[in-house]
Amino acid sequence: MRIKVFGLATVALLLVSAGLSNTLAMDSNGRYFALGAGSRSCGDYIKFREKRLENFTPEQYEIAGVIVEHWMAGYFTAHNFYVTDTYDVVGTVTMEQLKDRIEKFCRSNPSSRIAEGVAAIAQELHTNRIKLDTGTKASEKPPAK
């Protein structure tokens, strides 16, 4: 069941990240469906980062942190898979730096969803992405720059 949910979440994320030029996969009203952590509001993300969610224990914050990290990792992995000429959009940016960037986006856009923040970050990182080396097998990592 978890694999099926992850697969569905990945497909939804792909629709958001697939067209980085100026086109995003969404309906004619600019809407799309985000599953999992990405569907939460930026306001909730700020409360989470500040540890201000009601009734959360330290253990629940830790678990929720892992869920958010895995959701973001899935998003960027799907982005790498579906965006042309991209091996790794994140490059040397750490997960902590990604979370800081999302927090900055969310503070500026509290009514947006986390998925929108991650999509914006993917667009920012796209210019400096590690591009696909067509001479390298898919199972091999390209040489470090």
N, C-alpha and C. Protein backbone atom coordinates (compact mmCIF):
# COMPACT_ATOMS: atom_id res chain seq x y z
N MET A 1 0.82 -1.19 0.00
CA MET A 1 0.00 0.00 0.00
C MET A 1 0.87 1.26 0.00
N ARG A 2 1.95 1.25 0.81
CA ARG A 2 2.82 2.43 0.86
C ARG A 2 3.47 2.70 -0.49
N ILE A 3 3.85 1.62 -1.18
CA ILE A 3 4.48 1.79 -2.49
C ILE A 3 3.47 2.40 -3.47
N LYS A 4 2.21 1.94 -3.42
CA LYS A 4 1.19 2.49 -4.29
C LYS A 4 0.97 3.98 -4.00
N VAL A 5 0.89 4.35 -2.72
CA VAL A 5 0.71 5.75 -2.35
C VAL A 5 1.92 6.58 -2.79
N PHE A 6 3.13 6.02 -2.58
CA PHE A 6 4.33 6.74 -3.01
C PHE A 6 4.32 6.92 -4.52
N GLY A 7 3.90 5.87 -5.23
CA GLY A 7 3.83 5.96 -6.69
C GLY A 7 2.86 7.04 -7.14
N LEU A 8 1.71 7.10 -6.51
CA LEU A 8 0.73 8.13 -6.84
C LEU A 8 1.26 9.52 -6.52
N ALA A 9 1.94 9.63 -5.38
CA ALA A 9 2.52 10.92 -5.00
C ALA A 9 3.57 11.33 -6.01
N THR A 10 4.38 10.38 -6.44
CA THR A 10 5.42 10.67 -7.42
C THR A 10 4.81 11.16 -8.72
N VAL A 11 3.76 10.50 -9.18
CA VAL A 11 3.09 10.92 -10.41
C VAL A 11 2.56 12.34 -10.27
N ALA A 12 1.92 12.65 -9.14
CA ALA A 12 1.40 14.00 -8.93
C ALA A 12 2.53 15.02 -8.93
N LEU A 13 3.64 14.66 -8.30
CA LEU A 13 4.78 15.57 -8.25
C LEU A 13 5.38 15.78 -9.63
N LEU A 14 5.38 14.74 -10.42
CA LEU A 14 5.92 14.85 -11.76
C LEU A 14 5.12 15.84 -12.59
N LEU A 15 3.81 15.82 -12.39
CA LEU A 15 2.97 16.75 -13.12
C LEU A 15 3.33 18.19 -12.80
N VAL A 16 3.77 18.43 -11.58
CA VAL A 16 4.14 19.78 -11.15
C VAL A 16 5.49 20.16 -11.73
N SER A 17 6.44 19.21 -11.73
CA SER A 17 7.82 19.56 -12.07
C SER A 17 8.19 19.31 -13.51
N ALA A 18 7.38 18.61 -14.28
CA ALA A 18 7.79 18.16 -15.61
C ALA A 18 8.12 19.29 -16.56
N GLY A 19 7.38 20.37 -16.56
CA GLY A 19 7.63 21.42 -17.53
C GLY A 19 8.22 22.64 -16.89
N LEU A 20 9.52 22.71 -16.79
CA LEU A 20 10.13 23.85 -16.13
C LEU A 20 10.32 25.06 -17.03
N SER A 21 10.11 24.92 -18.31
CA SER A 21 10.31 26.06 -19.17
C SER A 21 9.40 27.20 -18.73
N ASN A 22 8.22 27.25 -19.20
CA ASN A 22 7.22 28.18 -18.68
C ASN A 22 5.89 27.48 -18.54
N THR A 23 5.90 26.19 -18.71
CA THR A 23 4.67 25.43 -18.69
C THR A 23 4.72 24.42 -17.56
N LEU A 24 3.72 24.41 -16.74
CA LEU A 24 3.62 23.41 -15.69
C LEU A 24 2.38 22.58 -15.97
N ALA A 25 2.42 21.34 -15.58
CA ALA A 25 1.28 20.45 -15.80
C ALA A 25 0.22 20.76 -14.74
N MET A 26 -0.79 21.47 -15.14
CA MET A 26 -1.89 21.82 -14.24
C MET A 26 -3.11 22.10 -15.08
N ASP A 27 -4.24 22.27 -14.45
CA ASP A 27 -5.45 22.50 -15.23
C ASP A 27 -5.50 23.95 -15.73
N SER A 28 -6.54 24.25 -16.47
CA SER A 28 -6.65 25.58 -17.08
C SER A 28 -6.80 26.70 -16.06
N ASN A 29 -7.11 26.35 -14.82
CA ASN A 29 -7.22 27.36 -13.76
C ASN A 29 -5.95 27.46 -12.93
N GLY A 30 -4.88 26.79 -13.38
CA GLY A 30 -3.61 26.84 -12.65
C GLY A 30 -3.59 25.96 -11.42
N ARG A 31 -4.48 24.97 -11.35
CA ARG A 31 -4.55 24.10 -10.18
C ARG A 31 -3.98 22.73 -10.50
N TYR A 32 -3.49 22.06 -9.48
CA TYR A 32 -3.04 20.68 -9.58
C TYR A 32 -3.20 20.05 -8.22
N PHE A 33 -3.16 18.74 -8.19
CA PHE A 33 -3.37 18.01 -6.95
C PHE A 33 -2.03 17.55 -6.40
N ALA A 34 -1.75 17.86 -5.16
CA ALA A 34 -0.52 17.42 -4.50
C ALA A 34 -0.92 16.45 -3.39
N LEU A 35 -0.19 15.36 -3.29
CA LEU A 35 -0.44 14.36 -2.26
C LEU A 35 0.57 14.53 -1.13
N GLY A 36 0.24 13.98 0.02
CA GLY A 36 1.19 13.92 1.14
C GLY A 36 1.54 15.27 1.70
N ALA A 37 2.79 15.37 2.16
CA ALA A 37 3.26 16.59 2.83
C ALA A 37 3.15 17.82 1.94
N GLY A 38 3.27 17.65 0.65
CA GLY A 38 3.21 18.78 -0.27
C GLY A 38 1.86 19.47 -0.30
N SER A 39 0.82 18.78 0.13
CA SER A 39 -0.51 19.38 0.12
C SER A 39 -0.76 20.29 1.32
N ARG A 40 0.14 20.25 2.29
CA ARG A 40 -0.02 21.09 3.49
C ARG A 40 0.30 22.55 3.16
N SER A 41 -0.27 23.44 3.93
CA SER A 41 -0.04 24.87 3.70
C SER A 41 1.35 25.28 4.19
N CYS A 42 1.83 26.35 3.60
CA CYS A 42 3.11 26.91 4.05
C CYS A 42 3.00 27.40 5.50
N GLY A 43 1.82 27.88 5.87
CA GLY A 43 1.61 28.29 7.26
C GLY A 43 1.84 27.14 8.22
N ASP A 44 1.35 25.93 7.85
CA ASP A 44 1.59 24.75 8.67
C ASP A 44 3.08 24.41 8.71
N TYR A 45 3.76 24.58 7.57
CA TYR A 45 5.19 24.27 7.53
C TYR A 45 5.96 25.19 8.47
N ILE A 46 5.61 26.46 8.50
CA ILE A 46 6.28 27.41 9.41
C ILE A 46 6.02 26.99 10.85
N LYS A 47 4.77 26.66 11.19
CA LYS A 47 4.47 26.21 12.55
C LYS A 47 5.28 24.96 12.89
N PHE A 48 5.40 24.05 11.94
CA PHE A 48 6.18 22.83 12.14
C PHE A 48 7.65 23.17 12.39
N ARG A 49 8.22 24.03 11.56
CA ARG A 49 9.63 24.39 11.72
C ARG A 49 9.89 25.10 13.05
N GLU A 50 8.90 25.85 13.51
CA GLU A 50 9.03 26.56 14.79
C GLU A 50 8.57 25.71 15.97
N LYS A 51 8.18 24.47 15.68
CA LYS A 51 7.68 23.54 16.71
C LYS A 51 6.51 24.13 17.48
N ARG A 52 5.55 24.70 16.72
CA ARG A 52 4.36 25.31 17.32
C ARG A 52 3.08 24.56 16.98
N LEU A 53 3.17 23.33 16.53
CA LEU A 53 1.96 22.56 16.23
C LEU A 53 1.41 22.01 17.54
N GLU A 54 0.13 22.19 17.75
CA GLU A 54 -0.50 21.72 18.99
C GLU A 54 -0.46 20.20 19.07
N ASN A 55 -0.27 19.71 20.27
CA ASN A 55 -0.32 18.29 20.57
C ASN A 55 0.77 17.45 19.90
N PHE A 56 1.85 18.06 19.42
CA PHE A 56 2.96 17.29 18.85
C PHE A 56 3.99 17.02 19.92
N THR A 57 4.39 15.79 20.05
CA THR A 57 5.47 15.42 20.98
C THR A 57 6.79 15.54 20.23
N PRO A 58 7.91 15.54 20.94
CA PRO A 58 9.21 15.57 20.25
C PRO A 58 9.36 14.41 19.25
N GLU A 59 8.85 13.25 19.60
CA GLU A 59 8.93 12.10 18.70
C GLU A 59 8.11 12.34 17.43
N GLN A 60 6.96 12.97 17.58
CA GLN A 60 6.12 13.25 16.41
C GLN A 60 6.77 14.28 15.50
N TYR A 61 7.45 15.28 16.11
CA TYR A 61 8.19 16.24 15.29
C TYR A 61 9.29 15.53 14.51
N GLU A 62 9.97 14.60 15.15
CA GLU A 62 11.04 13.86 14.48
C GLU A 62 10.48 13.04 13.32
N ILE A 63 9.39 12.34 13.55
CA ILE A 63 8.77 11.54 12.49
C ILE A 63 8.28 12.43 11.36
N ALA A 64 7.62 13.52 11.71
CA ALA A 64 7.12 14.44 10.68
C ALA A 64 8.27 15.03 9.88
N GLY A 65 9.39 15.30 10.53
CA GLY A 65 10.57 15.82 9.83
C GLY A 65 11.07 14.84 8.78
N VAL A 66 11.09 13.56 9.13
CA VAL A 66 11.52 12.53 8.19
C VAL A 66 10.52 12.43 7.03
N ILE A 67 9.25 12.52 7.34
CA ILE A 67 8.23 12.46 6.28
C ILE A 67 8.41 13.61 5.30
N VAL A 68 8.63 14.81 5.81
CA VAL A 68 8.82 15.97 4.93
C VAL A 68 10.08 15.79 4.10
N GLU A 69 11.17 15.36 4.72
CA GLU A 69 12.41 15.14 3.97
C GLU A 69 12.22 14.10 2.87
N HIS A 70 11.55 13.02 3.17
CA HIS A 70 11.34 11.98 2.17
C HIS A 70 10.42 12.47 1.05
N TRP A 71 9.43 13.28 1.41
CA TRP A 71 8.55 13.83 0.38
C TRP A 71 9.36 14.71 -0.57
N MET A 72 10.21 15.58 0.00
CA MET A 72 11.03 16.45 -0.84
C MET A 72 12.01 15.63 -1.68
N ALA A 73 12.62 14.61 -1.09
CA ALA A 73 13.55 13.77 -1.84
C ALA A 73 12.82 13.08 -3.00
N GLY A 74 11.59 12.63 -2.76
CA GLY A 74 10.80 12.03 -3.83
C GLY A 74 10.49 13.02 -4.93
N TYR A 75 10.17 14.24 -4.54
CA TYR A 75 9.87 15.27 -5.53
C TYR A 75 11.09 15.52 -6.42
N PHE A 76 12.24 15.75 -5.79
CA PHE A 76 13.44 16.05 -6.58
C PHE A 76 13.91 14.84 -7.39
N THR A 77 13.71 13.64 -6.88
CA THR A 77 14.04 12.44 -7.65
C THR A 77 13.15 12.36 -8.88
N ALA A 78 11.85 12.59 -8.71
CA ALA A 78 10.94 12.57 -9.85
C ALA A 78 11.31 13.67 -10.84
N HIS A 79 11.67 14.82 -10.33
CA HIS A 79 12.12 15.92 -11.19
C HIS A 79 13.31 15.48 -12.02
N ASN A 80 14.30 14.87 -11.38
CA ASN A 80 15.48 14.41 -12.10
C ASN A 80 15.12 13.42 -13.19
N PHE A 81 14.15 12.57 -12.91
CA PHE A 81 13.76 11.53 -13.84
C PHE A 81 13.03 12.09 -15.06
N TYR A 82 12.20 13.11 -14.86
CA TYR A 82 11.33 13.58 -15.93
C TYR A 82 11.76 14.85 -16.63
N VAL A 83 12.67 15.61 -16.07
CA VAL A 83 13.07 16.85 -16.72
C VAL A 83 14.27 16.57 -17.63
N THR A 84 14.12 16.94 -18.87
CA THR A 84 15.13 16.69 -19.88
C THR A 84 16.48 17.27 -19.49
N ASP A 85 17.53 16.52 -19.81
CA ASP A 85 18.91 16.97 -19.63
C ASP A 85 19.23 17.26 -18.16
N THR A 86 18.65 16.48 -17.26
CA THR A 86 18.89 16.69 -15.84
C THR A 86 19.28 15.37 -15.19
N TYR A 87 20.46 15.37 -14.58
CA TYR A 87 20.88 14.22 -13.79
C TYR A 87 20.53 14.47 -12.32
N ASP A 88 20.86 15.69 -11.84
CA ASP A 88 20.59 16.03 -10.44
C ASP A 88 20.34 17.53 -10.31
N VAL A 89 19.11 17.91 -10.04
CA VAL A 89 18.76 19.32 -9.92
C VAL A 89 19.28 19.91 -8.62
N VAL A 90 19.43 19.08 -7.58
CA VAL A 90 19.84 19.58 -6.26
C VAL A 90 21.34 19.82 -6.19
N GLY A 91 22.13 18.95 -6.81
CA GLY A 91 23.58 19.11 -6.79
C GLY A 91 24.14 19.03 -5.38
N THR A 92 24.87 20.04 -4.97
CA THR A 92 25.53 20.02 -3.67
C THR A 92 24.69 20.66 -2.56
N VAL A 93 23.47 21.07 -2.87
CA VAL A 93 22.60 21.68 -1.86
C VAL A 93 22.16 20.58 -0.89
N THR A 94 22.31 20.84 0.39
CA THR A 94 21.97 19.84 1.40
C THR A 94 20.47 19.87 1.71
N MET A 95 19.99 18.82 2.34
CA MET A 95 18.58 18.77 2.74
C MET A 95 18.25 19.92 3.69
N GLU A 96 19.16 20.24 4.59
CA GLU A 96 18.92 21.35 5.52
C GLU A 96 18.79 22.66 4.76
N GLN A 97 19.62 22.86 3.74
CA GLN A 97 19.52 24.07 2.93
C GLN A 97 18.22 24.11 2.14
N LEU A 98 17.78 22.95 1.66
CA LEU A 98 16.49 22.88 0.96
C LEU A 98 15.35 23.25 1.90
N LYS A 99 15.38 22.72 3.12
CA LYS A 99 14.33 23.04 4.09
C LYS A 99 14.36 24.52 4.44
N ASP A 100 15.55 25.11 4.54
CA ASP A 100 15.65 26.55 4.81
C ASP A 100 15.04 27.36 3.66
N ARG A 101 15.30 26.91 2.42
CA ARG A 101 14.75 27.60 1.25
C ARG A 101 13.22 27.51 1.24
N ILE A 102 12.70 26.33 1.57
CA ILE A 102 11.25 26.18 1.61
C ILE A 102 10.67 27.06 2.71
N GLU A 103 11.34 27.11 3.85
CA GLU A 103 10.86 27.97 4.93
C GLU A 103 10.83 29.43 4.48
N LYS A 104 11.85 29.87 3.78
CA LYS A 104 11.89 31.25 3.28
C LYS A 104 10.73 31.50 2.32
N PHE A 105 10.50 30.56 1.40
CA PHE A 105 9.37 30.67 0.48
C PHE A 105 8.06 30.74 1.26
N CYS A 106 7.91 29.85 2.23
CA CYS A 106 6.67 29.77 2.99
C CYS A 106 6.42 31.01 3.83
N ARG A 107 7.46 31.61 4.35
CA ARG A 107 7.28 32.85 5.12
C ARG A 107 6.77 33.98 4.22
N SER A 108 7.21 33.96 2.96
CA SER A 108 6.76 34.97 2.01
C SER A 108 5.41 34.64 1.40
N ASN A 109 5.02 33.35 1.45
CA ASN A 109 3.79 32.88 0.81
C ASN A 109 3.03 31.93 1.74
N PRO A 110 2.58 32.40 2.90
CA PRO A 110 1.98 31.50 3.89
C PRO A 110 0.72 30.78 3.44
N SER A 111 0.00 31.31 2.46
CA SER A 111 -1.21 30.64 2.00
C SER A 111 -0.94 29.65 0.87
N SER A 112 0.29 29.60 0.39
CA SER A 112 0.66 28.63 -0.64
C SER A 112 0.84 27.25 -0.01
N ARG A 113 1.00 26.25 -0.86
CA ARG A 113 1.25 24.90 -0.37
C ARG A 113 2.75 24.60 -0.43
N ILE A 114 3.17 23.64 0.36
CA ILE A 114 4.58 23.23 0.38
C ILE A 114 5.00 22.82 -1.02
N ALA A 115 4.14 22.13 -1.76
CA ALA A 115 4.48 21.69 -3.12
C ALA A 115 4.85 22.87 -4.01
N GLU A 116 4.18 23.99 -3.84
CA GLU A 116 4.49 25.17 -4.63
C GLU A 116 5.88 25.71 -4.28
N GLY A 117 6.23 25.65 -3.01
CA GLY A 117 7.57 26.07 -2.60
C GLY A 117 8.64 25.17 -3.16
N VAL A 118 8.42 23.87 -3.14
CA VAL A 118 9.40 22.93 -3.67
C VAL A 118 9.53 23.12 -5.18
N ALA A 119 8.41 23.34 -5.87
CA ALA A 119 8.46 23.59 -7.32
C ALA A 119 9.26 24.86 -7.62
N ALA A 120 9.06 25.90 -6.82
CA ALA A 120 9.81 27.15 -7.02
C ALA A 120 11.30 26.92 -6.80
N ILE A 121 11.65 26.13 -5.81
CA ILE A 121 13.06 25.83 -5.54
C ILE A 121 13.66 25.02 -6.68
N ALA A 122 12.90 24.06 -7.21
CA ALA A 122 13.39 23.28 -8.35
C ALA A 122 13.67 24.20 -9.53
N GLN A 123 12.82 25.18 -9.75
CA GLN A 123 13.05 26.13 -10.83
C GLN A 123 14.31 26.96 -10.58
N GLU A 124 14.51 27.39 -9.34
CA GLU A 124 15.71 28.15 -9.00
C GLU A 124 16.97 27.33 -9.22
N LEU A 125 16.93 26.07 -8.81
CA LEU A 125 18.11 25.20 -8.90
C LEU A 125 18.37 24.70 -10.32
N HIS A 126 17.37 24.75 -11.18
CA HIS A 126 17.46 24.17 -12.52
C HIS A 126 18.65 24.69 -13.32
N THR A 127 18.92 25.97 -13.25
CA THR A 127 20.01 26.56 -14.03
C THR A 127 21.36 25.92 -13.71
N ASN A 128 21.60 25.58 -12.46
CA ASN A 128 22.88 25.02 -12.03
C ASN A 128 22.83 23.50 -11.84
N ARG A 129 21.82 22.85 -12.42
CA ARG A 129 21.68 21.40 -12.26
C ARG A 129 22.87 20.67 -12.86
N ILE A 130 23.06 19.44 -12.41
CA ILE A 130 24.03 18.56 -13.05
C ILE A 130 23.31 17.95 -14.23
N LYS A 131 23.84 18.19 -15.42
CA LYS A 131 23.17 17.70 -16.63
C LYS A 131 23.54 16.25 -16.90
N LEU A 132 22.68 15.60 -17.64
CA LEU A 132 22.88 14.22 -18.01
C LEU A 132 24.08 14.10 -18.93
N ASP A 133 24.96 13.18 -18.60
CA ASP A 133 26.11 12.88 -19.45
C ASP A 133 25.71 11.70 -20.31
N THR A 134 25.45 11.94 -21.58
CA THR A 134 24.95 10.88 -22.45
C THR A 134 25.95 9.75 -22.66
N GLY A 135 27.21 9.97 -22.31
CA GLY A 135 28.21 8.92 -22.45
C GLY A 135 28.29 8.03 -21.22
N THR A 136 27.51 8.32 -20.19
CA THR A 136 27.53 7.54 -18.95
C THR A 136 26.32 6.65 -18.88
N LYS A 137 26.51 5.41 -18.48
CA LYS A 137 25.38 4.49 -18.30
C LYS A 137 24.47 5.05 -17.20
N ALA A 138 23.20 4.72 -17.29
CA ALA A 138 22.22 5.22 -16.32
C ALA A 138 22.56 4.79 -14.89
N SER A 139 23.20 3.64 -14.73
CA SER A 139 23.50 3.15 -13.39
C SER A 139 24.78 3.75 -12.80
N GLU A 140 25.51 4.50 -13.63
CA GLU A 140 26.76 5.11 -13.16
C GLU A 140 26.55 6.59 -12.88
N LYS A 141 27.18 7.06 -11.85
CA LYS A 141 27.12 8.48 -11.53
C LYS A 141 28.18 9.20 -12.37
N PRO A 142 27.83 10.34 -12.97
CA PRO A 142 28.83 11.06 -13.75
C PRO A 142 29.95 11.56 -12.87
N PRO A 143 31.11 11.81 -13.45
CA PRO A 143 32.25 12.28 -12.64
C PRO A 143 31.93 13.60 -11.95
N ALA A 144 32.48 13.78 -10.76
CA ALA A 144 32.27 15.02 -9.99
C ALA A 144 32.92 16.18 -10.72
N LYS A 145 32.27 17.33 -10.61
CA LYS A 145 32.81 18.53 -11.27
C LYS A 145 33.84 19.18 -10.40
